[in-house]
Amino acid sequence: MCNLSQGVWEKGVQSGMEKGIAALVAELQNFIGDPAAIAQSLVRRFGLPQEAAMEKVQQYWKN
């Protein structure tokens, strides 16, 4: 794969992960409502470090 193709592919994967994270946070917020538990789900499902997972929960949490 050439460098341009690799960069486009990586950007697409990152974009897809962000959309998945946002959707999971929104859905779990409706059912669980506990930010720490949702962050733990992100750690398990996406392999994020705990701190990064909490940042994502805060970023996508809807009031």
PDB file of N, CA and C in Angstrom:
ATOM      1  N   MET A   1       0.854  -1.168   0.000  1.00  0.00           N
ATOM      2  CA  MET A   1       0.000   0.000   0.000  1.00  0.00           C
ATOM      3  C   MET A   1       0.899   1.230   0.000  1.00  0.00           C
ATOM      4  N   CYS A   2       0.602   2.203  -0.858  1.00  0.00           N
ATOM      5  CA  CYS A   2       1.420   3.406  -0.908  1.00  0.00           C
ATOM      6  C   CYS A   2       1.111   4.297   0.293  1.00  0.00           C
ATOM      7  N   ASN A   3       1.977   5.260   0.518  1.00  0.00           N
ATOM      8  CA  ASN A   3       1.821   6.131   1.689  1.00  0.00           C
ATOM      9  C   ASN A   3       0.484   6.873   1.689  1.00  0.00           C
ATOM     10  N   LEU A   4       0.057   7.353   0.514  1.00  0.00           N
ATOM     11  CA  LEU A   4      -1.206   8.065   0.427  1.00  0.00           C
ATOM     12  C   LEU A   4      -2.366   7.143   0.786  1.00  0.00           C
ATOM     13  N   SER A   5      -2.379   5.957   0.235  1.00  0.00           N
ATOM     14  CA  SER A   5      -3.440   4.993   0.529  1.00  0.00           C
ATOM     15  C   SER A   5      -3.443   4.629   2.009  1.00  0.00           C
ATOM     16  N   GLN A   6      -2.277   4.436   2.564  1.00  0.00           N
ATOM     17  CA  GLN A   6      -2.163   4.094   3.985  1.00  0.00           C
ATOM     18  C   GLN A   6      -2.734   5.212   4.852  1.00  0.00           C
ATOM     19  N   GLY A   7      -2.407   6.457   4.505  1.00  0.00           N
ATOM     20  CA  GLY A   7      -2.908   7.600   5.274  1.00  0.00           C
ATOM     21  C   GLY A   7      -4.413   7.723   5.193  1.00  0.00           C
ATOM     22  N   VAL A   8      -4.965   7.529   4.015  1.00  0.00           N
ATOM     23  CA  VAL A   8      -6.412   7.593   3.830  1.00  0.00           C
ATOM     24  C   VAL A   8      -7.086   6.477   4.610  1.00  0.00           C
ATOM     25  N   TRP A   9      -6.523   5.278   4.548  1.00  0.00           N
ATOM     26  CA  TRP A   9      -7.084   4.140   5.271  1.00  0.00           C
ATOM     27  C   TRP A   9      -7.074   4.390   6.775  1.00  0.00           C
ATOM     28  N   GLU A  10      -5.949   4.866   7.310  1.00  0.00           N
ATOM     29  CA  GLU A  10      -5.844   5.125   8.747  1.00  0.00           C
ATOM     30  C   GLU A  10      -6.828   6.200   9.191  1.00  0.00           C
ATOM     31  N   LYS A  11      -6.998   7.234   8.367  1.00  0.00           N
ATOM     32  CA  LYS A  11      -7.949   8.291   8.700  1.00  0.00           C
ATOM     33  C   LYS A  11      -9.378   7.735   8.729  1.00  0.00           C
ATOM     34  N   GLY A  12      -9.694   6.860   7.790  1.00  0.00           N
ATOM     35  CA  GLY A  12     -11.013   6.241   7.759  1.00  0.00           C
ATOM     36  C   GLY A  12     -11.264   5.360   8.965  1.00  0.00           C
ATOM     37  N   VAL A  13     -10.257   4.597   9.359  1.00  0.00           N
ATOM     38  CA  VAL A  13     -10.389   3.744  10.545  1.00  0.00           C
ATOM     39  C   VAL A  13     -10.604   4.606  11.787  1.00  0.00           C
ATOM     40  N   GLN A  14      -9.840   5.667  11.924  1.00  0.00           N
ATOM     41  CA  GLN A  14      -9.972   6.559  13.082  1.00  0.00           C
ATOM     42  C   GLN A  14     -11.355   7.201  13.111  1.00  0.00           C
ATOM     43  N   SER A  15     -11.835   7.634  11.953  1.00  0.00           N
ATOM     44  CA  SER A  15     -13.162   8.241  11.863  1.00  0.00           C
ATOM     45  C   SER A  15     -14.239   7.235  12.262  1.00  0.00           C
ATOM     46  N   GLY A  16     -14.102   6.010  11.807  1.00  0.00           N
ATOM     47  CA  GLY A  16     -15.058   4.963  12.158  1.00  0.00           C
ATOM     48  C   GLY A  16     -15.049   4.655  13.643  1.00  0.00           C
ATOM     49  N   MET A  17     -13.870   4.641  14.232  1.00  0.00           N
ATOM     50  CA  MET A  17     -13.776   4.392  15.679  1.00  0.00           C
ATOM     51  C   MET A  17     -14.451   5.511  16.465  1.00  0.00           C
ATOM     52  N   GLU A  18     -14.220   6.750  16.050  1.00  0.00           N
ATOM     53  CA  GLU A  18     -14.840   7.886  16.746  1.00  0.00           C
ATOM     54  C   GLU A  18     -16.361   7.801  16.669  1.00  0.00           C
ATOM     55  N   LYS A  19     -16.883   7.452  15.504  1.00  0.00           N
ATOM     56  CA  LYS A  19     -18.336   7.325  15.351  1.00  0.00           C
ATOM     57  C   LYS A  19     -18.863   6.195  16.229  1.00  0.00           C
ATOM     58  N   GLY A  20     -18.127   5.097  16.293  1.00  0.00           N
ATOM     59  CA  GLY A  20     -18.525   3.974  17.135  1.00  0.00           C
ATOM     60  C   GLY A  20     -18.497   4.326  18.610  1.00  0.00           C
ATOM     61  N   ILE A  21     -17.469   5.047  19.009  1.00  0.00           N
ATOM     62  CA  ILE A  21     -17.353   5.474  20.407  1.00  0.00           C
ATOM     63  C   ILE A  21     -18.497   6.410  20.762  1.00  0.00           C
ATOM     64  N   ALA A  22     -18.774   7.380  19.890  1.00  0.00           N
ATOM     65  CA  ALA A  22     -19.857   8.334  20.145  1.00  0.00           C
ATOM     66  C   ALA A  22     -21.199   7.609  20.256  1.00  0.00           C
ATOM     67  N   ALA A  23     -21.446   6.664  19.364  1.00  0.00           N
ATOM     68  CA  ALA A  23     -22.706   5.924  19.386  1.00  0.00           C
ATOM     69  C   ALA A  23     -22.823   5.064  20.638  1.00  0.00           C
ATOM     70  N   LEU A  24     -21.739   4.412  21.019  1.00  0.00           N
ATOM     71  CA  LEU A  24     -21.767   3.558  22.208  1.00  0.00           C
ATOM     72  C   LEU A  24     -22.000   4.384  23.468  1.00  0.00           C
ATOM     73  N   VAL A  25     -21.327   5.523  23.584  1.00  0.00           N
ATOM     74  CA  VAL A  25     -21.527   6.385  24.754  1.00  0.00           C
ATOM     75  C   VAL A  25     -22.984   6.838  24.826  1.00  0.00           C
ATOM     76  N   ALA A  26     -23.536   7.288  23.695  1.00  0.00           N
ATOM     77  CA  ALA A  26     -24.924   7.760  23.684  1.00  0.00           C
ATOM     78  C   ALA A  26     -25.893   6.639  24.066  1.00  0.00           C
ATOM     79  N   GLU A  27     -25.680   5.463  23.522  1.00  0.00           N
ATOM     80  CA  GLU A  27     -26.590   4.338  23.800  1.00  0.00           C
ATOM     81  C   GLU A  27     -26.478   3.873  25.249  1.00  0.00           C
ATOM     82  N   LEU A  28     -25.257   3.713  25.734  1.00  0.00           N
ATOM     83  CA  LEU A  28     -25.082   3.260  27.115  1.00  0.00           C
ATOM     84  C   LEU A  28     -25.534   4.304  28.113  1.00  0.00           C
ATOM     85  N   GLN A  29     -25.452   5.573  27.746  1.00  0.00           N
ATOM     86  CA  GLN A  29     -25.938   6.624  28.641  1.00  0.00           C
ATOM     87  C   GLN A  29     -27.426   6.428  28.920  1.00  0.00           C
ATOM     88  N   ASN A  30     -28.169   5.990  27.904  1.00  0.00           N
ATOM     89  CA  ASN A  30     -29.601   5.755  28.072  1.00  0.00           C
ATOM     90  C   ASN A  30     -29.890   4.582  29.007  1.00  0.00           C
ATOM     91  N   PHE A  31     -29.024   3.576  29.020  1.00  0.00           N
ATOM     92  CA  PHE A  31     -29.290   2.361  29.777  1.00  0.00           C
ATOM     93  C   PHE A  31     -28.541   2.284  31.101  1.00  0.00           C
ATOM     94  N   ILE A  32     -27.333   2.804  31.128  1.00  0.00           N
ATOM     95  CA  ILE A  32     -26.513   2.671  32.333  1.00  0.00           C
ATOM     96  C   ILE A  32     -26.494   3.980  33.119  1.00  0.00           C
ATOM     97  N   GLY A  33     -26.144   5.077  32.452  1.00  0.00           N
ATOM     98  CA  GLY A  33     -26.116   6.373  33.107  1.00  0.00           C
ATOM     99  C   GLY A  33     -24.930   6.601  34.017  1.00  0.00           C
ATOM    100  N   ASP A  34     -24.017   5.664  34.082  1.00  0.00           N
ATOM    101  CA  ASP A  34     -22.831   5.781  34.943  1.00  0.00           C
ATOM    102  C   ASP A  34     -21.606   6.000  34.060  1.00  0.00           C
ATOM    103  N   PRO A  35     -21.048   7.217  34.063  1.00  0.00           N
ATOM    104  CA  PRO A  35     -19.911   7.507  33.196  1.00  0.00           C
ATOM    105  C   PRO A  35     -18.714   6.561  33.394  1.00  0.00           C
ATOM    106  N   ALA A  36     -18.436   6.174  34.624  1.00  0.00           N
ATOM    107  CA  ALA A  36     -17.302   5.283  34.879  1.00  0.00           C
ATOM    108  C   ALA A  36     -17.518   3.909  34.248  1.00  0.00           C
ATOM    109  N   ALA A  37     -18.740   3.398  34.325  1.00  0.00           N
ATOM    110  CA  ALA A  37     -19.049   2.096  33.720  1.00  0.00           C
ATOM    111  C   ALA A  37     -18.962   2.174  32.203  1.00  0.00           C
ATOM    112  N   ILE A  38     -19.411   3.286  31.642  1.00  0.00           N
ATOM    113  CA  ILE A  38     -19.329   3.467  30.193  1.00  0.00           C
ATOM    114  C   ILE A  38     -17.873   3.553  29.759  1.00  0.00           C
ATOM    115  N   ALA A  39     -17.066   4.270  30.509  1.00  0.00           N
ATOM    116  CA  ALA A  39     -15.640   4.356  30.196  1.00  0.00           C
ATOM    117  C   ALA A  39     -14.999   2.972  30.226  1.00  0.00           C
ATOM    118  N   GLN A  40     -15.394   2.149  31.185  1.00  0.00           N
ATOM    119  CA  GLN A  40     -14.849   0.797  31.265  1.00  0.00           C
ATOM    120  C   GLN A  40     -15.239  -0.017  30.031  1.00  0.00           C
ATOM    121  N   SER A  41     -16.426   0.205  29.510  1.00  0.00           N
ATOM    122  CA  SER A  41     -16.837  -0.460  28.269  1.00  0.00           C
ATOM    123  C   SER A  41     -15.947  -0.030  27.107  1.00  0.00           C
ATOM    124  N   LEU A  42     -15.599   1.248  27.046  1.00  0.00           N
ATOM    125  CA  LEU A  42     -14.715   1.734  25.988  1.00  0.00           C
ATOM    126  C   LEU A  42     -13.322   1.122  26.111  1.00  0.00           C
ATOM    127  N   VAL A  43     -12.867   0.949  27.332  1.00  0.00           N
ATOM    128  CA  VAL A  43     -11.559   0.303  27.555  1.00  0.00           C
ATOM    129  C   VAL A  43     -11.593  -1.115  26.995  1.00  0.00           C
ATOM    130  N   ARG A  44     -12.647  -1.863  27.312  1.00  0.00           N
ATOM    131  CA  ARG A  44     -12.753  -3.249  26.859  1.00  0.00           C
ATOM    132  C   ARG A  44     -12.953  -3.353  25.352  1.00  0.00           C
ATOM    133  N   ARG A  45     -13.846  -2.567  24.805  1.00  0.00           N
ATOM    134  CA  ARG A  45     -14.225  -2.717  23.403  1.00  0.00           C
ATOM    135  C   ARG A  45     -13.257  -2.074  22.423  1.00  0.00           C
ATOM    136  N   PHE A  46     -12.644  -0.957  22.816  1.00  0.00           N
ATOM    137  CA  PHE A  46     -11.782  -0.226  21.889  1.00  0.00           C
ATOM    138  C   PHE A  46     -10.316  -0.233  22.298  1.00  0.00           C
ATOM    139  N   GLY A  47     -10.009  -0.802  23.451  1.00  0.00           N
ATOM    140  CA  GLY A  47      -8.621  -0.879  23.891  1.00  0.00           C
ATOM    141  C   GLY A  47      -8.041   0.468  24.299  1.00  0.00           C
ATOM    142  N   LEU A  48      -8.910   1.392  24.701  1.00  0.00           N
ATOM    143  CA  LEU A  48      -8.443   2.712  25.117  1.00  0.00           C
ATOM    144  C   LEU A  48      -7.871   2.652  26.530  1.00  0.00           C
ATOM    145  N   PRO A  49      -6.894   3.489  26.826  1.00  0.00           N
ATOM    146  CA  PRO A  49      -6.473   3.635  28.224  1.00  0.00           C
ATOM    147  C   PRO A  49      -7.626   4.242  29.031  1.00  0.00           C
ATOM    148  N   GLN A  50      -7.669   3.979  30.319  1.00  0.00           N
ATOM    149  CA  GLN A  50      -8.764   4.446  31.176  1.00  0.00           C
ATOM    150  C   GLN A  50      -8.964   5.957  31.081  1.00  0.00           C
ATOM    151  N   GLU A  51      -7.885   6.702  31.132  1.00  0.00           N
ATOM    152  CA  GLU A  51      -7.984   8.166  31.090  1.00  0.00           C
ATOM    153  C   GLU A  51      -8.572   8.645  29.762  1.00  0.00           C
ATOM    154  N   ALA A  52      -8.126   8.054  28.665  1.00  0.00           N
ATOM    155  CA  ALA A  52      -8.654   8.422  27.344  1.00  0.00           C
ATOM    156  C   ALA A  52     -10.127   8.054  27.234  1.00  0.00           C
ATOM    157  N   ALA A  53     -10.512   6.934  27.814  1.00  0.00           N
ATOM    158  CA  ALA A  53     -11.911   6.513  27.781  1.00  0.00           C
ATOM    159  C   ALA A  53     -12.793   7.501  28.531  1.00  0.00           C
ATOM    160  N   MET A  54     -12.341   7.964  29.693  1.00  0.00           N
ATOM    161  CA  MET A  54     -13.116   8.952  30.449  1.00  0.00           C
ATOM    162  C   MET A  54     -13.233  10.256  29.669  1.00  0.00           C
ATOM    163  N   GLU A  55     -12.176  10.647  28.968  1.00  0.00           N
ATOM    164  CA  GLU A  55     -12.224  11.856  28.142  1.00  0.00           C
ATOM    165  C   GLU A  55     -13.257  11.707  27.028  1.00  0.00           C
ATOM    166  N   LYS A  56     -13.329  10.524  26.427  1.00  0.00           N
ATOM    167  CA  LYS A  56     -14.306  10.280  25.364  1.00  0.00           C
ATOM    168  C   LYS A  56     -15.724  10.317  25.926  1.00  0.00           C
ATOM    169  N   VAL A  57     -15.928   9.754  27.102  1.00  0.00           N
ATOM    170  CA  VAL A  57     -17.255   9.804  27.726  1.00  0.00           C
ATOM    171  C   VAL A  57     -17.658  11.250  27.960  1.00  0.00           C
ATOM    172  N   GLN A  58     -16.758  12.046  28.491  1.00  0.00           N
ATOM    173  CA  GLN A  58     -17.051  13.464  28.734  1.00  0.00           C
ATOM    174  C   GLN A  58     -17.319  14.205  27.421  1.00  0.00           C
ATOM    175  N   GLN A  59     -16.569  13.850  26.389  1.00  0.00           N
ATOM    176  CA  GLN A  59     -16.718  14.508  25.095  1.00  0.00           C
ATOM    177  C   GLN A  59     -18.091  14.223  24.478  1.00  0.00           C
ATOM    178  N   TYR A  60     -18.571  12.992  24.585  1.00  0.00           N
ATOM    179  CA  TYR A  60     -19.791  12.595  23.902  1.00  0.00           C
ATOM    180  C   TYR A  60     -21.028  12.513  24.805  1.00  0.00           C
ATOM    181  N   TRP A  61     -20.869  12.793  26.096  1.00  0.00           N
ATOM    182  CA  TRP A  61     -21.987  12.735  27.027  1.00  0.00           C
ATOM    183  C   TRP A  61     -22.990  13.839  26.686  1.00  0.00           C
ATOM    184  N   LYS A  62     -24.251  13.461  26.591  1.00  0.00           N
ATOM    185  CA  LYS A  62     -25.306  14.431  26.270  1.00  0.00           C
ATOM    186  C   LYS A  62     -26.124  14.709  27.506  1.00  0.00           C
ATOM    187  N   ASN A  63     -26.279  15.988  27.808  1.00  0.00           N
ATOM    188  CA  ASN A  63     -27.044  16.386  28.995  1.00  0.00           C
ATOM    189  C   ASN A  63     -28.517  16.487  28.691  1.00  0.00           C
TER     190      ASN A  63
END
